[in-house]
């Protein structure tokens, strides 16, 4: 991974007159924490967040950022349409391009007759995605990166809660290919489109793997979860207090809808979704309006159905006419 020089960040902190800094590092970058902390500490009072965090939507709790002049978050990209409470400096990290993709097996595209390809990436692989797009074009494919909305910084970039570049190209593309590691981003990509999504797994030899079957299994589980929610009478509608996930207006809309169908509901704040908290409330169904991946990825941790806002609207308001709708965050409310 490319390790950036901290001097531009130090200069920026001096420009804004920052004295006390919160430093956030994802687990993959925490081995660098001592050297980075020591350099920053020569100029500023620095405290490191030991907690895990979810990306640019999660720049610390009120207690943390309420006592600092600025936040440095390493490894992620700004969400342009979020109103951060204190200045946040995002230090982007990208893996260097070590694979020229020559000789890569593209038979899955050939067998399906796919010629128009949408190229996506999680932010660490932005440089690789540019090279891969060029490689596809050299091989005779039409390849593009879709336009981003206001929650993303770059064309072709995706977050676990936002796949706007897919939607930009969906009527044009035959399929989409995402450069990433693991299935977190690729699963979300496949849930957000009916076109086939392939992951180009960057931690292994360059090979394409379709996400369609795995996503179909996930969707079947989501519909089963939604069916259980039809029997619920007591709902907890959860507002995530993270600055980049705060959707109070949406939560209030859901509250009104629940009352309109004659069921009981309470509105709750949470910074982390803890299943035990909702068990203690005797909740029969949870509607989580923050990160949609809490409901779609972690639902087996809960003893009651947990739904996204879109899933609630699908079953109680018949939105989508039976088609699964992945809940994406386009923008959030100001706090």
C-alpha atoms as a PDB file:
ATOM      1  CA  UNK A   1       0.000   0.000   0.000  1.00  0.00           C
ATOM      2  CA  UNK A   2       1.248   3.477  -0.799  1.00  0.00           C
ATOM      3  CA  UNK A   3       2.180   5.246   2.435  1.00  0.00           C
ATOM      4  CA  UNK A   4       1.733   8.985   2.080  1.00  0.00           C
ATOM      5  CA  UNK A   5       3.992  11.703   3.425  1.00  0.00           C
ATOM      6  CA  UNK A   6       2.334  13.328   6.492  1.00  0.00           C
ATOM      7  CA  UNK A   7       3.785  16.782   5.726  1.00  0.00           C
ATOM      8  CA  UNK A   8       0.843  18.029   3.590  1.00  0.00           C
ATOM      9  CA  UNK A   9      -1.520  17.040   6.399  1.00  0.00           C
ATOM     10  CA  UNK A  10       0.633  18.836   8.953  1.00  0.00           C
ATOM     11  CA  UNK A  11       0.603  21.971   6.804  1.00  0.00           C
ATOM     12  CA  UNK A  12      -3.181  21.778   6.473  1.00  0.00           C
ATOM     13  CA  UNK A  13      -3.594  21.413  10.253  1.00  0.00           C
ATOM     14  CA  UNK A  14      -1.436  24.479  10.798  1.00  0.00           C
ATOM     15  CA  UNK A  15      -3.508  26.441   8.278  1.00  0.00           C
ATOM     16  CA  UNK A  16      -6.719  25.783  10.216  1.00  0.00           C
ATOM     17  CA  UNK A  17      -5.038  26.469  13.569  1.00  0.00           C
ATOM     18  CA  UNK A  18      -5.598  22.966  14.946  1.00  0.00           C
ATOM     19  CA  UNK A  19      -3.946  22.079  18.248  1.00  0.00           C
ATOM     20  CA  UNK A  20      -5.607  18.855  19.426  1.00  0.00           C
ATOM     21  CA  UNK A  21      -6.050  16.049  16.887  1.00  0.00           C
ATOM     22  CA  UNK A  22      -7.990  12.771  16.770  1.00  0.00           C
ATOM     23  CA  UNK A  23      -6.234  10.171  14.632  1.00  0.00           C
ATOM     24  CA  UNK A  24      -8.263   7.307  13.127  1.00  0.00           C
ATOM     25  CA  UNK A  25      -6.627   4.341  11.421  1.00  0.00           C
ATOM     26  CA  UNK A  26      -8.323   1.242   9.990  1.00  0.00           C
ATOM     27  CA  UNK A  27      -6.963  -2.076  11.198  1.00  0.00           C
ATOM     28  CA  UNK A  28      -4.817  -2.542   8.098  1.00  0.00           C
ATOM     29  CA  UNK A  29      -2.930   0.692   8.786  1.00  0.00           C
ATOM     30  CA  UNK A  30      -2.587   0.426  12.563  1.00  0.00           C
ATOM     31  CA  UNK A  31       0.920  -1.059  12.246  1.00  0.00           C
ATOM     32  CA  UNK A  32       1.962   2.447  11.116  1.00  0.00           C
ATOM     33  CA  UNK A  33       0.478   4.152  14.164  1.00  0.00           C
ATOM     34  CA  UNK A  34       3.646   4.657  16.200  1.00  0.00           C
ATOM     35  CA  UNK A  35       5.660   6.330  13.466  1.00  0.00           C
ATOM     36  CA  UNK A  36       2.727   8.470  12.385  1.00  0.00           C
ATOM     37  CA  UNK A  37       1.820   9.440  15.959  1.00  0.00           C
ATOM     38  CA  UNK A  38       5.404  10.392  16.774  1.00  0.00           C
ATOM     39  CA  UNK A  39       5.654  12.679  13.742  1.00  0.00           C
ATOM     40  CA  UNK A  40       2.334  14.412  14.421  1.00  0.00           C
ATOM     41  CA  UNK A  41       3.085  14.748  18.132  1.00  0.00           C
ATOM     42  CA  UNK A  42       6.028  17.006  17.356  1.00  0.00           C
ATOM     43  CA  UNK A  43       3.530  19.634  16.201  1.00  0.00           C
ATOM     44  CA  UNK A  44       0.196  18.809  17.880  1.00  0.00           C
ATOM     45  CA  UNK A  45      -1.497  17.143  20.817  1.00  0.00           C
ATOM     46  CA  UNK A  46      -2.640  13.827  19.329  1.00  0.00           C
ATOM     47  CA  UNK A  47      -4.968  11.122  20.587  1.00  0.00           C
ATOM     48  CA  UNK A  48      -5.512   7.870  18.692  1.00  0.00           C
ATOM     49  CA  UNK A  49      -8.928   6.272  18.400  1.00  0.00           C
ATOM     50  CA  UNK A  50      -8.547   2.609  19.295  1.00  0.00           C
ATOM     51  CA  UNK A  51     -12.103   1.849  18.223  1.00  0.00           C
ATOM     52  CA  UNK A  52     -13.033   0.321  14.927  1.00  0.00           C
ATOM     53  CA  UNK A  53     -14.816   2.581  12.464  1.00  0.00           C
ATOM     54  CA  UNK A  54     -16.733   2.145   9.250  1.00  0.00           C
ATOM     55  CA  UNK A  55     -15.264   4.729   6.927  1.00  0.00           C
ATOM     56  CA  UNK A  56     -15.794   8.375   6.121  1.00  0.00           C
ATOM     57  CA  UNK A  57     -19.333   8.183   7.533  1.00  0.00           C
ATOM     58  CA  UNK A  58     -17.865   7.502  10.994  1.00  0.00           C
ATOM     59  CA  UNK A  59     -15.445  10.192  12.144  1.00  0.00           C
ATOM     60  CA  UNK A  60     -15.739   9.592  15.862  1.00  0.00           C
ATOM     61  CA  UNK A  61     -18.369   9.942  18.555  1.00  0.00           C
ATOM     62  CA  UNK A  62     -19.572  13.258  19.931  1.00  0.00           C
ATOM     63  CA  UNK A  63     -17.338  12.738  22.951  1.00  0.00           C
ATOM     64  CA  UNK A  64     -14.311  12.218  20.716  1.00  0.00           C
ATOM     65  CA  UNK A  65     -14.720  14.956  18.136  1.00  0.00           C
ATOM     66  CA  UNK A  66     -16.215  17.331  20.698  1.00  0.00           C
ATOM     67  CA  UNK A  67     -12.803  17.631  22.328  1.00  0.00           C
ATOM     68  CA  UNK A  68     -10.564  18.026  19.282  1.00  0.00           C
ATOM     69  CA  UNK A  69      -9.915  20.689  16.669  1.00  0.00           C
ATOM     70  CA  UNK A  70      -9.593  18.283  13.746  1.00  0.00           C
ATOM     71  CA  UNK A  71      -9.752  14.615  12.779  1.00  0.00           C
ATOM     72  CA  UNK A  72      -7.307  12.758  10.568  1.00  0.00           C
ATOM     73  CA  UNK A  73      -8.793   9.647   9.027  1.00  0.00           C
ATOM     74  CA  UNK A  74      -6.437   7.399   7.122  1.00  0.00           C
ATOM     75  CA  UNK A  75      -7.339   5.081   4.277  1.00  0.00           C
ATOM     76  CA  UNK A  76     -10.693   6.561   3.225  1.00  0.00           C
ATOM     77  CA  UNK A  77     -12.102   9.259   0.988  1.00  0.00           C
ATOM     78  CA  UNK A  78     -14.283  12.181   1.975  1.00  0.00           C
ATOM     79  CA  UNK A  79     -18.040  11.888   1.545  1.00  0.00           C
ATOM     80  CA  UNK A  80     -18.558  15.274  -0.144  1.00  0.00           C
ATOM     81  CA  UNK A  81     -22.152  15.889   0.934  1.00  0.00           C
ATOM     82  CA  UNK A  82     -21.627  15.199   4.662  1.00  0.00           C
ATOM     83  CA  UNK A  83     -21.393  18.195   6.980  1.00  0.00           C
ATOM     84  CA  UNK A  84     -18.548  17.186   9.285  1.00  0.00           C
ATOM     85  CA  UNK A  85     -18.689  18.798  12.721  1.00  0.00           C
ATOM     86  CA  UNK A  86     -14.972  19.552  12.855  1.00  0.00           C
ATOM     87  CA  UNK A  87     -12.462  19.681   9.993  1.00  0.00           C
ATOM     88  CA  UNK A  88     -11.616  16.167   8.810  1.00  0.00           C
ATOM     89  CA  UNK A  89      -8.525  15.462   6.750  1.00  0.00           C
ATOM     90  CA  UNK A  90      -8.772  12.239   4.764  1.00  0.00           C
ATOM     91  CA  UNK A  91      -5.490  10.622   3.804  1.00  0.00           C
ATOM     92  CA  UNK A  92      -6.253   8.364   0.865  1.00  0.00           C
ATOM     93  CA  UNK A  93      -4.294   5.149   0.382  1.00  0.00           C
ATOM     94  CA  UNK A  94      -4.113   3.143  -2.800  1.00  0.00           C
ATOM     95  CA  UNK A  95      -2.383  -0.114  -3.545  1.00  0.00           C
ATOM     96  CA  UNK A  96       0.251   0.237  -6.271  1.00  0.00           C
ATOM     97  CA  UNK A  97      -0.557  -1.436  -9.569  1.00  0.00           C
ATOM     98  CA  UNK A  98       1.503  -4.627  -9.692  1.00  0.00           C
ATOM     99  CA  UNK A  99      -0.652  -6.587 -12.134  1.00  0.00           C
ATOM    100  CA  UNK A 100      -0.935  -5.641 -15.785  1.00  0.00           C
ATOM    101  CA  UNK A 101      -3.749  -8.218 -16.175  1.00  0.00           C
ATOM    102  CA  UNK A 102      -2.057  -9.783 -19.217  1.00  0.00           C
ATOM    103  CA  UNK A 103      -3.288 -13.318 -19.774  1.00  0.00           C
ATOM    104  CA  UNK A 104      -6.257 -12.889 -17.487  1.00  0.00           C
ATOM    105  CA  UNK A 105      -9.099 -15.363 -18.032  1.00  0.00           C
ATOM    106  CA  UNK A 106     -12.050 -13.446 -19.491  1.00  0.00           C
ATOM    107  CA  UNK A 107     -13.949 -16.541 -20.623  1.00  0.00           C
ATOM    108  CA  UNK A 108     -16.863 -15.798 -18.257  1.00  0.00           C
ATOM    109  CA  UNK A 109     -17.527 -12.596 -20.199  1.00  0.00           C
ATOM    110  CA  UNK A 110     -17.146 -14.354 -23.527  1.00  0.00           C
ATOM    111  CA  UNK A 111     -19.534 -17.188 -22.618  1.00  0.00           C
ATOM    112  CA  UNK A 112     -22.214 -14.740 -21.514  1.00  0.00           C
ATOM    113  CA  UNK A 113     -21.710 -12.498 -24.541  1.00  0.00           C
ATOM    114  CA  UNK A 114     -20.934  -9.479 -22.385  1.00  0.00           C
ATOM    115  CA  UNK A 115     -19.254  -6.672 -24.351  1.00  0.00           C
ATOM    116  CA  UNK A 116     -20.229  -3.531 -22.442  1.00  0.00           C
ATOM    117  CA  UNK A 117     -18.574  -3.534 -19.025  1.00  0.00           C
ATOM    118  CA  UNK A 118     -19.020  -1.170 -16.083  1.00  0.00           C
ATOM    119  CA  UNK A 119     -15.824  -0.965 -13.994  1.00  0.00           C
ATOM    120  CA  UNK A 120     -16.093  -0.301 -10.246  1.00  0.00           C
ATOM    121  CA  UNK A 121     -13.673  -0.300  -7.334  1.00  0.00           C
ATOM    122  CA  UNK A 122     -13.297   0.130  -3.614  1.00  0.00           C
ATOM    123  CA  UNK A 123     -11.068   3.122  -3.020  1.00  0.00           C
ATOM    124  CA  UNK A 124      -7.802   1.243  -2.341  1.00  0.00           C
ATOM    125  CA  UNK A 125      -7.843  -0.077  -5.915  1.00  0.00           C
ATOM    126  CA  UNK A 126      -8.539   3.110  -7.829  1.00  0.00           C
ATOM    127  CA  UNK A 127      -5.221   2.993  -9.702  1.00  0.00           C
ATOM    128  CA  UNK A 128      -5.712  -0.659 -10.575  1.00  0.00           C
ATOM    129  CA  UNK A 129      -9.235   0.027 -11.831  1.00  0.00           C
ATOM    130  CA  UNK A 130      -7.930   2.605 -14.307  1.00  0.00           C
ATOM    131  CA  UNK A 131      -5.398   0.095 -15.632  1.00  0.00           C
ATOM    132  CA  UNK A 132      -8.005  -2.658 -15.790  1.00  0.00           C
ATOM    133  CA  UNK A 133     -10.419  -0.447 -17.732  1.00  0.00           C
ATOM    134  CA  UNK A 134      -7.651   0.247 -20.250  1.00  0.00           C
ATOM    135  CA  UNK A 135      -6.889  -3.471 -20.455  1.00  0.00           C
ATOM    136  CA  UNK A 136     -10.516  -4.313 -21.237  1.00  0.00           C
ATOM    137  CA  UNK A 137     -10.572  -1.681 -23.956  1.00  0.00           C
ATOM    138  CA  UNK A 138      -7.382  -3.092 -25.451  1.00  0.00           C
ATOM    139  CA  UNK A 139      -9.077  -6.512 -25.537  1.00  0.00           C
ATOM    140  CA  UNK A 140     -11.937  -5.080 -27.576  1.00  0.00           C
ATOM    141  CA  UNK A 141     -14.534  -4.504 -24.852  1.00  0.00           C
ATOM    142  CA  UNK A 142     -16.450  -1.295 -24.284  1.00  0.00           C
ATOM    143  CA  UNK A 143     -15.582  -0.347 -20.706  1.00  0.00           C
ATOM    144  CA  UNK A 144     -16.628   2.673 -18.671  1.00  0.00           C
ATOM    145  CA  UNK A 145     -16.729   3.967 -15.122  1.00  0.00           C
ATOM    146  CA  UNK A 146     -20.104   5.315 -14.063  1.00  0.00           C
ATOM    147  CA  UNK A 147     -20.642   8.806 -12.716  1.00  0.00           C
ATOM    148  CA  UNK A 148     -20.706   9.237  -8.945  1.00  0.00           C
ATOM    149  CA  UNK A 149     -23.347  11.073  -6.949  1.00  0.00           C
ATOM    150  CA  UNK A 150     -22.684  13.574  -4.138  1.00  0.00           C
ATOM    151  CA  UNK A 151     -21.795  10.874  -1.612  1.00  0.00           C
ATOM    152  CA  UNK A 152     -18.765   9.680  -3.607  1.00  0.00           C
ATOM    153  CA  UNK A 153     -15.620  11.526  -4.650  1.00  0.00           C
ATOM    154  CA  UNK A 154     -14.641   9.625  -7.797  1.00  0.00           C
ATOM    155  CA  UNK A 155     -16.256   8.042 -10.837  1.00  0.00           C
ATOM    156  CA  UNK A 156     -16.455   4.276 -10.502  1.00  0.00           C
ATOM    157  CA  UNK A 157     -15.899   4.382  -6.730  1.00  0.00           C
ATOM    158  CA  UNK A 158     -18.348   2.539  -4.485  1.00  0.00           C
ATOM    159  CA  UNK A 159     -19.100   2.435  -0.788  1.00  0.00           C
ATOM    160  CA  UNK A 160     -20.877  -0.360   1.051  1.00  0.00           C
ATOM    161  CA  UNK A 161     -23.971   1.864   1.140  1.00  0.00           C
ATOM    162  CA  UNK A 162     -23.745   3.624  -2.235  1.00  0.00           C
ATOM    163  CA  UNK A 163     -23.487   2.213  -5.754  1.00  0.00           C
ATOM    164  CA  UNK A 164     -24.453   5.239  -7.831  1.00  0.00           C
ATOM    165  CA  UNK A 165     -21.871   4.477 -10.591  1.00  0.00           C
ATOM    166  CA  UNK A 166     -23.738   1.224 -11.234  1.00  0.00           C
ATOM    167  CA  UNK A 167     -27.047   3.030 -11.620  1.00  0.00           C
ATOM    168  CA  UNK A 168     -25.468   5.515 -14.003  1.00  0.00           C
ATOM    169  CA  UNK A 169     -24.461   2.701 -16.369  1.00  0.00           C
ATOM    170  CA  UNK A 170     -27.141   0.084 -15.710  1.00  0.00           C
ATOM    171  CA  UNK A 171     -29.170   0.710 -18.863  1.00  0.00           C
ATOM    172  CA  UNK A 172     -25.975   0.603 -20.962  1.00  0.00           C
ATOM    173  CA  UNK A 173     -23.817  -2.098 -19.364  1.00  0.00           C
ATOM    174  CA  UNK A 174     -24.119  -5.835 -19.927  1.00  0.00           C
ATOM    175  CA  UNK A 175     -22.444  -6.493 -16.579  1.00  0.00           C
ATOM    176  CA  UNK A 176     -20.236  -4.859 -13.955  1.00  0.00           C
ATOM    177  CA  UNK A 177     -16.792  -5.780 -12.623  1.00  0.00           C
ATOM    178  CA  UNK A 178     -15.607  -4.538  -9.230  1.00  0.00           C
ATOM    179  CA  UNK A 179     -11.981  -4.501  -8.095  1.00  0.00           C
ATOM    180  CA  UNK A 180     -11.929  -5.211  -4.366  1.00  0.00           C
ATOM    181  CA  UNK A 181     -11.040  -7.746  -1.691  1.00  0.00           C
ATOM    182  CA  UNK A 182     -13.545  -9.926   0.121  1.00  0.00           C
ATOM    183  CA  UNK A 183     -17.227  -9.810  -0.752  1.00  0.00           C
ATOM    184  CA  UNK A 184     -18.413  -6.770   1.223  1.00  0.00           C
ATOM    185  CA  UNK A 185     -18.442  -4.282  -1.658  1.00  0.00           C
ATOM    186  CA  UNK A 186     -19.181  -6.833  -4.364  1.00  0.00           C
ATOM    187  CA  UNK A 187     -22.181  -8.230  -2.498  1.00  0.00           C
ATOM    188  CA  UNK A 188     -23.647  -4.748  -2.136  1.00  0.00           C
ATOM    189  CA  UNK A 189     -23.001  -4.121  -5.813  1.00  0.00           C
ATOM    190  CA  UNK A 190     -24.907  -7.261  -6.833  1.00  0.00           C
ATOM    191  CA  UNK A 191     -27.795  -6.493  -4.472  1.00  0.00           C
ATOM    192  CA  UNK A 192     -28.129  -3.055  -6.076  1.00  0.00           C
ATOM    193  CA  UNK A 193     -28.526  -4.269  -9.672  1.00  0.00           C
ATOM    194  CA  UNK A 194     -30.140  -7.023 -11.727  1.00  0.00           C
ATOM    195  CA  UNK A 195     -27.122  -7.096 -14.055  1.00  0.00           C
ATOM    196  CA  UNK A 196     -24.456  -9.670 -13.231  1.00  0.00           C
ATOM    197  CA  UNK A 197     -21.601  -8.423 -11.060  1.00  0.00           C
ATOM    198  CA  UNK A 198     -18.147 -10.022 -11.064  1.00  0.00           C
ATOM    199  CA  UNK A 199     -15.531  -9.424  -8.420  1.00  0.00           C
ATOM    200  CA  UNK A 200     -11.915  -9.168  -9.475  1.00  0.00           C
ATOM    201  CA  UNK A 201     -10.385 -10.312  -6.185  1.00  0.00           C
ATOM    202  CA  UNK A 202      -7.225  -8.237  -5.765  1.00  0.00           C
ATOM    203  CA  UNK A 203      -5.690 -10.312  -2.979  1.00  0.00           C
ATOM    204  CA  UNK A 204      -5.471 -13.371  -5.227  1.00  0.00           C
ATOM    205  CA  UNK A 205      -4.479 -14.165  -8.796  1.00  0.00           C
ATOM    206  CA  UNK A 206      -6.540 -11.986 -11.113  1.00  0.00           C
ATOM    207  CA  UNK A 207      -9.693 -14.014 -11.704  1.00  0.00           C
ATOM    208  CA  UNK A 208     -13.334 -13.084 -12.135  1.00  0.00           C
ATOM    209  CA  UNK A 209     -15.943 -14.552  -9.778  1.00  0.00           C
ATOM    210  CA  UNK A 210     -19.676 -13.988 -10.294  1.00  0.00           C
ATOM    211  CA  UNK A 211     -21.625 -12.718  -7.293  1.00  0.00           C
ATOM    212  CA  UNK A 212     -25.040 -13.658  -8.684  1.00  0.00           C
ATOM    213  CA  UNK A 213     -25.618 -16.985  -6.914  1.00  0.00           C
ATOM    214  CA  UNK A 214     -24.370 -15.748  -3.551  1.00  0.00           C
ATOM    215  CA  UNK A 215     -26.521 -12.618  -3.823  1.00  0.00           C
ATOM    216  CA  UNK A 216     -29.572 -14.713  -4.753  1.00  0.00           C
ATOM    217  CA  UNK A 217     -29.084 -16.740  -1.559  1.00  0.00           C
ATOM    218  CA  UNK A 218     -28.805 -13.520   0.435  1.00  0.00           C
ATOM    219  CA  UNK A 219     -31.975 -12.110  -1.108  1.00  0.00           C
ATOM    220  CA  UNK A 220     -33.925 -15.264  -0.276  1.00  0.00           C
ATOM    221  CA  UNK A 221     -32.833 -14.885   3.342  1.00  0.00           C
ATOM    222  CA  UNK A 222     -33.841 -11.226   3.315  1.00  0.00           C
ATOM    223  CA  UNK A 223     -37.343 -12.071   2.050  1.00  0.00           C
ATOM    224  CA  UNK A 224     -37.682 -14.722   4.758  1.00  0.00           C
ATOM    225  CA  UNK A 225     -36.661 -12.117   7.323  1.00  0.00           C
ATOM    226  CA  UNK A 226     -39.214  -9.667   5.949  1.00  0.00           C
ATOM    227  CA  UNK A 227     -41.953 -12.292   6.105  1.00  0.00           C
ATOM    228  CA  UNK A 228     -41.277 -12.738   9.830  1.00  0.00           C
ATOM    229  CA  UNK A 229     -41.629  -8.970  10.298  1.00  0.00           C
ATOM    230  CA  UNK A 230     -45.231  -9.079   9.058  1.00  0.00           C
ATOM    231  CA  UNK A 231     -46.238 -10.665  12.357  1.00  0.00           C
ATOM    232  CA  UNK A 232     -44.518  -8.040  14.514  1.00  0.00           C
ATOM    233  CA  UNK A 233     -46.521  -5.584  16.598  1.00  0.00           C
ATOM    234  CA  UNK A 234     -43.784  -3.641  18.408  1.00  0.00           C
ATOM    235  CA  UNK A 235     -41.178  -1.881  16.257  1.00  0.00           C
ATOM    236  CA  UNK A 236     -38.001  -0.032  17.201  1.00  0.00           C
ATOM    237  CA  UNK A 237     -36.932   2.487  14.552  1.00  0.00           C
ATOM    238  CA  UNK A 238     -33.223   3.179  14.990  1.00  0.00           C
ATOM    239  CA  UNK A 239     -31.429   6.399  14.046  1.00  0.00           C
ATOM    240  CA  UNK A 240     -27.666   5.998  13.782  1.00  0.00           C
ATOM    241  CA  UNK A 241     -25.904   8.991  15.340  1.00  0.00           C
ATOM    242  CA  UNK A 242     -22.816   8.719  13.114  1.00  0.00           C
ATOM    243  CA  UNK A 243     -22.512  11.949  11.176  1.00  0.00           C
ATOM    244  CA  UNK A 244     -22.485  10.138   7.834  1.00  0.00           C
ATOM    245  CA  UNK A 245     -25.391   7.794   8.599  1.00  0.00           C
ATOM    246  CA  UNK A 246     -27.841  10.128  10.350  1.00  0.00           C
ATOM    247  CA  UNK A 247     -31.279   9.882   8.669  1.00  0.00           C
ATOM    248  CA  UNK A 248     -33.754  11.239  11.197  1.00  0.00           C
ATOM    249  CA  UNK A 249     -36.223  12.423   8.536  1.00  0.00           C
ATOM    250  CA  UNK A 250     -36.389   8.933   7.087  1.00  0.00           C
ATOM    251  CA  UNK A 251     -36.848   7.426  10.564  1.00  0.00           C
ATOM    252  CA  UNK A 252     -39.724   9.812  11.302  1.00  0.00           C
ATOM    253  CA  UNK A 253     -41.365   8.852   7.994  1.00  0.00           C
ATOM    254  CA  UNK A 254     -41.110   5.177   8.947  1.00  0.00           C
ATOM    255  CA  UNK A 255     -42.578   5.969  12.381  1.00  0.00           C
ATOM    256  CA  UNK A 256     -45.611   7.546  10.700  1.00  0.00           C
ATOM    257  CA  UNK A 257     -46.041   4.557   8.400  1.00  0.00           C
ATOM    258  CA  UNK A 258     -45.954   2.127  11.329  1.00  0.00           C
ATOM    259  CA  UNK A 259     -48.608   4.094  13.197  1.00  0.00           C
ATOM    260  CA  UNK A 260     -50.730   4.243  10.047  1.00  0.00           C
ATOM    261  CA  UNK A 261     -50.869   0.450   9.895  1.00  0.00           C
ATOM    262  CA  UNK A 262     -51.940   0.277  13.544  1.00  0.00           C
ATOM    263  CA  UNK A 263     -48.735  -1.020  15.102  1.00  0.00           C
ATOM    264  CA  UNK A 264     -46.627   0.318  17.984  1.00  0.00           C
ATOM    265  CA  UNK A 265     -43.239   1.954  17.457  1.00  0.00           C
ATOM    266  CA  UNK A 266     -40.531   3.775  19.388  1.00  0.00           C
ATOM    267  CA  UNK A 267     -37.711   5.921  18.022  1.00  0.00           C
ATOM    268  CA  UNK A 268     -34.221   5.098  19.321  1.00  0.00           C
ATOM    269  CA  UNK A 269     -30.706   6.502  18.970  1.00  0.00           C
ATOM    270  CA  UNK A 270     -27.697   4.218  18.565  1.00  0.00           C
ATOM    271  CA  UNK A 271     -24.042   4.661  17.686  1.00  0.00           C
ATOM    272  CA  UNK A 272     -23.562   0.898  17.446  1.00  0.00           C
ATOM    273  CA  UNK A 273     -26.326  -1.631  16.892  1.00  0.00           C
ATOM    274  CA  UNK A 274     -26.194  -4.066  19.816  1.00  0.00           C
ATOM    275  CA  UNK A 275     -28.689  -6.962  19.606  1.00  0.00           C
ATOM    276  CA  UNK A 276     -28.925  -7.227  23.407  1.00  0.00           C
ATOM    277  CA  UNK A 277     -30.165  -3.643  23.689  1.00  0.00           C
ATOM    278  CA  UNK A 278     -33.178  -4.428  21.536  1.00  0.00           C
ATOM    279  CA  UNK A 279     -33.837  -7.732  23.271  1.00  0.00           C
ATOM    280  CA  UNK A 280     -34.086  -5.790  26.537  1.00  0.00           C
ATOM    281  CA  UNK A 281     -36.676  -3.517  24.915  1.00  0.00           C
ATOM    282  CA  UNK A 282     -38.759  -6.577  23.957  1.00  0.00           C
ATOM    283  CA  UNK A 283     -38.704  -5.394  20.357  1.00  0.00           C
ATOM    284  CA  UNK A 284     -40.443  -7.617  17.819  1.00  0.00           C
ATOM    285  CA  UNK A 285     -38.884  -5.947  14.778  1.00  0.00           C
ATOM    286  CA  UNK A 286     -36.064  -3.424  14.262  1.00  0.00           C
ATOM    287  CA  UNK A 287     -35.912  -0.915  11.419  1.00  0.00           C
ATOM    288  CA  UNK A 288     -32.331   0.322  11.086  1.00  0.00           C
ATOM    289  CA  UNK A 289     -32.041   3.591   9.163  1.00  0.00           C
ATOM    290  CA  UNK A 290     -28.242   3.891   9.398  1.00  0.00           C
ATOM    291  CA  UNK A 291     -25.857   1.690   7.455  1.00  0.00           C
ATOM    292  CA  UNK A 292     -27.973  -0.825   5.472  1.00  0.00           C
ATOM    293  CA  UNK A 293     -25.290  -3.484   5.914  1.00  0.00           C
ATOM    294  CA  UNK A 294     -26.224  -3.888   9.588  1.00  0.00           C
ATOM    295  CA  UNK A 295     -29.507  -5.430   8.509  1.00  0.00           C
ATOM    296  CA  UNK A 296     -28.376  -7.235   5.361  1.00  0.00           C
ATOM    297  CA  UNK A 297     -25.087  -8.643   6.706  1.00  0.00           C
ATOM    298  CA  UNK A 298     -25.556  -9.013  10.474  1.00  0.00           C
ATOM    299  CA  UNK A 299     -29.204 -10.074  10.733  1.00  0.00           C
ATOM    300  CA  UNK A 300     -28.372 -13.551  12.060  1.00  0.00           C
ATOM    301  CA  UNK A 301     -27.071 -11.944  15.277  1.00  0.00           C
ATOM    302  CA  UNK A 302     -30.597 -10.766  16.145  1.00  0.00           C
ATOM    303  CA  UNK A 303     -33.411 -12.836  17.608  1.00  0.00           C
ATOM    304  CA  UNK A 304     -36.024 -10.690  15.847  1.00  0.00           C
ATOM    305  CA  UNK A 305     -36.257  -9.448  12.254  1.00  0.00           C
ATOM    306  CA  UNK A 306     -34.071  -6.439  11.463  1.00  0.00           C
ATOM    307  CA  UNK A 307     -34.950  -4.531   8.297  1.00  0.00           C
ATOM    308  CA  UNK A 308     -33.614  -1.669   6.252  1.00  0.00           C
ATOM    309  CA  UNK A 309     -35.969   1.215   5.562  1.00  0.00           C
ATOM    310  CA  UNK A 310     -36.448   0.017   1.980  1.00  0.00           C
ATOM    311  CA  UNK A 311     -37.276  -3.506   3.159  1.00  0.00           C
ATOM    312  CA  UNK A 312     -39.934  -2.126   5.493  1.00  0.00           C
ATOM    313  CA  UNK A 313     -41.475  -0.188   2.611  1.00  0.00           C
ATOM    314  CA  UNK A 314     -41.309  -3.263   0.367  1.00  0.00           C
ATOM    315  CA  UNK A 315     -43.435  -5.408   2.639  1.00  0.00           C
ATOM    316  CA  UNK A 316     -45.754  -2.880   4.265  1.00  0.00           C
ATOM    317  CA  UNK A 317     -46.154  -0.401   1.378  1.00  0.00           C
ATOM    318  CA  UNK A 318     -45.646  -2.864  -1.496  1.00  0.00           C
ATOM    319  CA  UNK A 319     -42.757  -0.829  -2.870  1.00  0.00           C
ATOM    320  CA  UNK A 320     -40.890  -2.550  -5.688  1.00  0.00           C
ATOM    321  CA  UNK A 321     -43.709  -4.932  -6.701  1.00  0.00           C
ATOM    322  CA  UNK A 322     -41.841  -7.955  -5.388  1.00  0.00           C
ATOM    323  CA  UNK A 323     -38.411  -6.857  -6.624  1.00  0.00           C
ATOM    324  CA  UNK A 324     -35.701  -6.567  -3.979  1.00  0.00           C
ATOM    325  CA  UNK A 325     -34.567  -2.975  -3.379  1.00  0.00           C
ATOM    326  CA  UNK A 326     -31.198  -2.454  -1.729  1.00  0.00           C
ATOM    327  CA  UNK A 327     -31.250   0.480   0.691  1.00  0.00           C
ATOM    328  CA  UNK A 328     -28.587   2.960  -0.401  1.00  0.00           C
ATOM    329  CA  UNK A 329     -27.614   6.186   1.343  1.00  0.00           C
ATOM    330  CA  UNK A 330     -27.602   9.122  -1.049  1.00  0.00           C
ATOM    331  CA  UNK A 331     -27.431  11.890   1.540  1.00  0.00           C
ATOM    332  CA  UNK A 332     -27.946  12.368   5.261  1.00  0.00           C
ATOM    333  CA  UNK A 333     -29.561  14.968   7.514  1.00  0.00           C
ATOM    334  CA  UNK A 334     -27.584  17.727   9.146  1.00  0.00           C
ATOM    335  CA  UNK A 335     -27.200  17.320  12.901  1.00  0.00           C
END
